[in-house]
Amino acid sequence: MLCSHSGRGIVLVEPNQEIPYAKLYVQYKKKKHEYRVHVFQQEVIDITQKKRKLGHENRDNQIRNHSNGWIFARDEINPPNGIGILALSACNALGLHSGAVDIIWNEHENKCYVLEVNTAPGIEGTTCKNYTNKIIESLTA
């Protein structure tokens, strides 16, 4: 599935297992943390971190989506240095004026990797307010 969300269509292939045909393949990259950096008109407007939801029994660490017990949190997070610049670079490389950039941090390599840029992310709460304020600001500038 090339146009999907929430981990739908992902098939995990174990070592020595036959690889099924697909239009897209990705290699799993170990990560300590995963972040979503929201960019609007060349500015980082919000950063959240995927964290395990308390009390959720399914603790899948490879597919970090809501149904596997992961949520976006903004409290008690410590994003790595340069994550905002990386998110801005990803949006610039794709010619986007806005996007929600999913970035992982590999502790062993002390390095960040961009996973994807979401052009129509689900937003709510503080993130929605941040977008609203920036849109209004851009219209009145």
C-alpha atoms as a PDB file:
ATOM      1  CA  MET A   1       0.000   0.000   0.000  1.00  0.00           C
ATOM      2  CA  LEU A   2       1.673   3.185  -1.157  1.00  0.00           C
ATOM      3  CA  CYS A   3      -1.015   5.514   0.209  1.00  0.00           C
ATOM      4  CA  SER A   4      -1.745   4.387   3.728  1.00  0.00           C
ATOM      5  CA  HIS A   5      -1.482   5.368   7.371  1.00  0.00           C
ATOM      6  CA  SER A   6      -1.126   3.944  10.865  1.00  0.00           C
ATOM      7  CA  GLY A   7       1.095   1.075   9.752  1.00  0.00           C
ATOM      8  CA  ARG A   8      -1.542  -0.451   7.478  1.00  0.00           C
ATOM      9  CA  GLY A   9      -0.040  -2.671   4.800  1.00  0.00           C
ATOM     10  CA  ILE A  10       3.285  -3.250   6.550  1.00  0.00           C
ATOM     11  CA  VAL A  11       4.524  -6.817   6.284  1.00  0.00           C
ATOM     12  CA  LEU A  12       7.471  -7.748   8.488  1.00  0.00           C
ATOM     13  CA  VAL A  13       9.853 -10.252   6.910  1.00  0.00           C
ATOM     14  CA  GLU A  14      12.124 -12.202   9.218  1.00  0.00           C
ATOM     15  CA  PRO A  15      15.665 -13.291   8.219  1.00  0.00           C
ATOM     16  CA  ASN A  16      15.676 -16.300   5.871  1.00  0.00           C
ATOM     17  CA  GLN A  17      11.977 -15.784   5.116  1.00  0.00           C
ATOM     18  CA  GLU A  18      10.848 -15.464   1.491  1.00  0.00           C
ATOM     19  CA  ILE A  19      10.322 -11.831   0.559  1.00  0.00           C
ATOM     20  CA  PRO A  20       6.854 -11.210  -0.908  1.00  0.00           C
ATOM     21  CA  TYR A  21       6.386  -8.927  -3.931  1.00  0.00           C
ATOM     22  CA  ALA A  22       5.648  -5.310  -3.060  1.00  0.00           C
ATOM     23  CA  LYS A  23       5.843  -1.894  -4.721  1.00  0.00           C
ATOM     24  CA  LEU A  24       7.870  -0.535  -1.817  1.00  0.00           C
ATOM     25  CA  TYR A  25      10.446  -2.075   0.511  1.00  0.00           C
ATOM     26  CA  VAL A  26      12.078  -0.539   3.565  1.00  0.00           C
ATOM     27  CA  GLN A  27      14.781  -1.819   5.845  1.00  0.00           C
ATOM     28  CA  TYR A  28      14.167  -1.650   9.579  1.00  0.00           C
ATOM     29  CA  LYS A  29      16.517   0.674  11.423  1.00  0.00           C
ATOM     30  CA  LYS A  30      16.963   0.278  15.167  1.00  0.00           C
ATOM     31  CA  LYS A  31      16.034   3.348  17.138  1.00  0.00           C
ATOM     32  CA  LYS A  32      16.073   4.594  20.689  1.00  0.00           C
ATOM     33  CA  HIS A  33      13.452   7.315  20.105  1.00  0.00           C
ATOM     34  CA  GLU A  34      11.099   8.456  17.370  1.00  0.00           C
ATOM     35  CA  TYR A  35       9.952  12.040  16.917  1.00  0.00           C
ATOM     36  CA  ARG A  36       7.479  13.943  14.763  1.00  0.00           C
ATOM     37  CA  VAL A  37       8.634  17.429  13.835  1.00  0.00           C
ATOM     38  CA  HIS A  38       5.974  19.735  12.381  1.00  0.00           C
ATOM     39  CA  VAL A  39       7.227  22.300   9.878  1.00  0.00           C
ATOM     40  CA  PHE A  40       5.249  25.243   8.487  1.00  0.00           C
ATOM     41  CA  GLN A  41       6.743  27.799   6.101  1.00  0.00           C
ATOM     42  CA  GLN A  42      10.401  27.121   6.946  1.00  0.00           C
ATOM     43  CA  GLU A  43       9.802  27.053  10.697  1.00  0.00           C
ATOM     44  CA  VAL A  44       9.581  24.223  13.216  1.00  0.00           C
ATOM     45  CA  ILE A  45       6.272  24.756  15.009  1.00  0.00           C
ATOM     46  CA  ASP A  46       6.005  21.608  17.122  1.00  0.00           C
ATOM     47  CA  ILE A  47       8.002  18.547  18.200  1.00  0.00           C
ATOM     48  CA  THR A  48       6.513  15.442  19.769  1.00  0.00           C
ATOM     49  CA  GLN A  49       7.971  12.061  20.669  1.00  0.00           C
ATOM     50  CA  LYS A  50       6.356   8.670  20.216  1.00  0.00           C
ATOM     51  CA  LYS A  51       6.032   7.040  23.620  1.00  0.00           C
ATOM     52  CA  ARG A  52       4.362   3.906  24.908  1.00  0.00           C
ATOM     53  CA  LYS A  53       0.856   4.444  26.204  1.00  0.00           C
ATOM     54  CA  LEU A  54       0.649   3.472  29.864  1.00  0.00           C
ATOM     55  CA  GLY A  55      -1.237   0.243  30.440  1.00  0.00           C
ATOM     56  CA  HIS A  56      -1.261  -0.885  26.798  1.00  0.00           C
ATOM     57  CA  GLU A  57      -0.408  -4.574  26.480  1.00  0.00           C
ATOM     58  CA  ASN A  58       0.838  -4.779  22.853  1.00  0.00           C
ATOM     59  CA  ARG A  59       4.378  -3.399  22.977  1.00  0.00           C
ATOM     60  CA  ASP A  60       5.475  -3.765  19.331  1.00  0.00           C
ATOM     61  CA  ASN A  61       8.662  -1.696  18.998  1.00  0.00           C
ATOM     62  CA  GLN A  62       9.027  -2.016  15.233  1.00  0.00           C
ATOM     63  CA  ILE A  63       5.662  -0.621  14.154  1.00  0.00           C
ATOM     64  CA  ARG A  64       5.050   2.297  16.460  1.00  0.00           C
ATOM     65  CA  ASN A  65       1.435   3.200  15.809  1.00  0.00           C
ATOM     66  CA  HIS A  66      -1.608   3.927  17.964  1.00  0.00           C
ATOM     67  CA  SER A  67      -3.040   0.397  17.786  1.00  0.00           C
ATOM     68  CA  ASN A  68       0.296  -1.007  19.009  1.00  0.00           C
ATOM     69  CA  GLY A  69       0.203   1.243  22.064  1.00  0.00           C
ATOM     70  CA  TRP A  70       2.176   4.291  20.925  1.00  0.00           C
ATOM     71  CA  ILE A  71       1.131   7.931  21.303  1.00  0.00           C
ATOM     72  CA  PHE A  72       2.674  11.311  20.504  1.00  0.00           C
ATOM     73  CA  ALA A  73       3.834  13.061  23.699  1.00  0.00           C
ATOM     74  CA  ARG A  74       5.318  16.479  24.240  1.00  0.00           C
ATOM     75  CA  ASP A  75       6.022  16.337  27.977  1.00  0.00           C
ATOM     76  CA  GLU A  76       9.401  15.205  29.273  1.00  0.00           C
ATOM     77  CA  ILE A  77      11.048  14.868  25.867  1.00  0.00           C
ATOM     78  CA  ASN A  78      14.613  15.721  24.948  1.00  0.00           C
ATOM     79  CA  PRO A  79      14.982  15.832  21.148  1.00  0.00           C
ATOM     80  CA  PRO A  80      18.521  15.374  19.826  1.00  0.00           C
ATOM     81  CA  ASN A  81      20.477  18.403  18.630  1.00  0.00           C
ATOM     82  CA  GLY A  82      19.871  19.284  15.008  1.00  0.00           C
ATOM     83  CA  ILE A  83      16.511  17.530  14.693  1.00  0.00           C
ATOM     84  CA  GLY A  84      14.765  20.760  13.645  1.00  0.00           C
ATOM     85  CA  ILE A  85      17.352  21.507  10.962  1.00  0.00           C
ATOM     86  CA  LEU A  86      16.991  17.945   9.645  1.00  0.00           C
ATOM     87  CA  ALA A  87      13.192  18.326   9.453  1.00  0.00           C
ATOM     88  CA  LEU A  88      13.510  21.641   7.623  1.00  0.00           C
ATOM     89  CA  SER A  89      16.005  20.091   5.190  1.00  0.00           C
ATOM     90  CA  ALA A  90      13.646  17.183   4.485  1.00  0.00           C
ATOM     91  CA  CYS A  91      10.755  19.549   3.670  1.00  0.00           C
ATOM     92  CA  ASN A  92      13.036  21.721   1.523  1.00  0.00           C
ATOM     93  CA  ALA A  93      14.342  18.699  -0.388  1.00  0.00           C
ATOM     94  CA  LEU A  94      10.758  17.755  -1.253  1.00  0.00           C
ATOM     95  CA  GLY A  95       9.688  21.325  -2.066  1.00  0.00           C
ATOM     96  CA  LEU A  96       7.110  21.375   0.737  1.00  0.00           C
ATOM     97  CA  HIS A  97       6.012  24.436   2.696  1.00  0.00           C
ATOM     98  CA  SER A  98       4.656  22.214   5.467  1.00  0.00           C
ATOM     99  CA  GLY A  99       4.948  18.659   6.686  1.00  0.00           C
ATOM    100  CA  ALA A 100       5.143  16.389   9.697  1.00  0.00           C
ATOM    101  CA  VAL A 101       8.588  14.811   9.539  1.00  0.00           C
ATOM    102  CA  ASP A 102       9.060  11.469  11.286  1.00  0.00           C
ATOM    103  CA  ILE A 103      12.635  11.173  12.537  1.00  0.00           C
ATOM    104  CA  ILE A 104      14.315   8.418  14.529  1.00  0.00           C
ATOM    105  CA  TRP A 105      17.406   8.630  16.702  1.00  0.00           C
ATOM    106  CA  ASN A 106      19.791   5.681  16.703  1.00  0.00           C
ATOM    107  CA  GLU A 107      21.598   5.751  20.048  1.00  0.00           C
ATOM    108  CA  HIS A 108      24.438   3.424  18.970  1.00  0.00           C
ATOM    109  CA  GLU A 109      25.330   5.636  15.993  1.00  0.00           C
ATOM    110  CA  ASN A 110      24.336   8.874  17.740  1.00  0.00           C
ATOM    111  CA  LYS A 111      22.565   9.796  14.505  1.00  0.00           C
ATOM    112  CA  CYS A 112      19.104  10.824  13.315  1.00  0.00           C
ATOM    113  CA  TYR A 113      17.324   9.434  10.251  1.00  0.00           C
ATOM    114  CA  VAL A 114      14.270  10.775   8.432  1.00  0.00           C
ATOM    115  CA  LEU A 115      11.660   8.049   7.963  1.00  0.00           C
ATOM    116  CA  GLU A 116       9.017   9.998   6.054  1.00  0.00           C
ATOM    117  CA  VAL A 117       7.326  13.351   5.616  1.00  0.00           C
ATOM    118  CA  ASN A 118       3.571  13.371   6.133  1.00  0.00           C
ATOM    119  CA  THR A 119       1.824  16.018   4.039  1.00  0.00           C
ATOM    120  CA  ALA A 120      -1.597  15.506   5.623  1.00  0.00           C
ATOM    121  CA  PRO A 121      -0.898  14.425   9.215  1.00  0.00           C
ATOM    122  CA  GLY A 122      -3.623  13.953  11.768  1.00  0.00           C
ATOM    123  CA  ILE A 123      -3.408  16.858  14.182  1.00  0.00           C
ATOM    124  CA  GLU A 124      -5.181  17.691  17.417  1.00  0.00           C
ATOM    125  CA  GLY A 125      -4.787  19.725  20.580  1.00  0.00           C
ATOM    126  CA  THR A 126      -1.623  21.798  20.902  1.00  0.00           C
ATOM    127  CA  THR A 127      -0.363  20.834  17.441  1.00  0.00           C
ATOM    128  CA  CYS A 128      -3.624  22.047  15.870  1.00  0.00           C
ATOM    129  CA  LYS A 129      -3.367  25.327  17.800  1.00  0.00           C
ATOM    130  CA  ASN A 130       0.246  25.774  16.626  1.00  0.00           C
ATOM    131  CA  TYR A 131      -0.761  25.308  12.974  1.00  0.00           C
ATOM    132  CA  THR A 132      -3.758  27.617  13.385  1.00  0.00           C
ATOM    133  CA  ASN A 133      -1.623  30.367  14.926  1.00  0.00           C
ATOM    134  CA  LYS A 134       1.018  30.103  12.165  1.00  0.00           C
ATOM    135  CA  ILE A 135      -1.590  30.100   9.392  1.00  0.00           C
ATOM    136  CA  ILE A 136      -3.264  33.207  10.856  1.00  0.00           C
ATOM    137  CA  GLU A 137       0.145  34.831  11.336  1.00  0.00           C
ATOM    138  CA  SER A 138       1.051  34.158   7.691  1.00  0.00           C
ATOM    139  CA  LEU A 139      -2.230  35.629   6.459  1.00  0.00           C
ATOM    140  CA  THR A 140      -1.853  38.836   8.473  1.00  0.00           C
ATOM    141  CA  ALA A 141       1.839  39.393   7.745  1.00  0.00           C
END
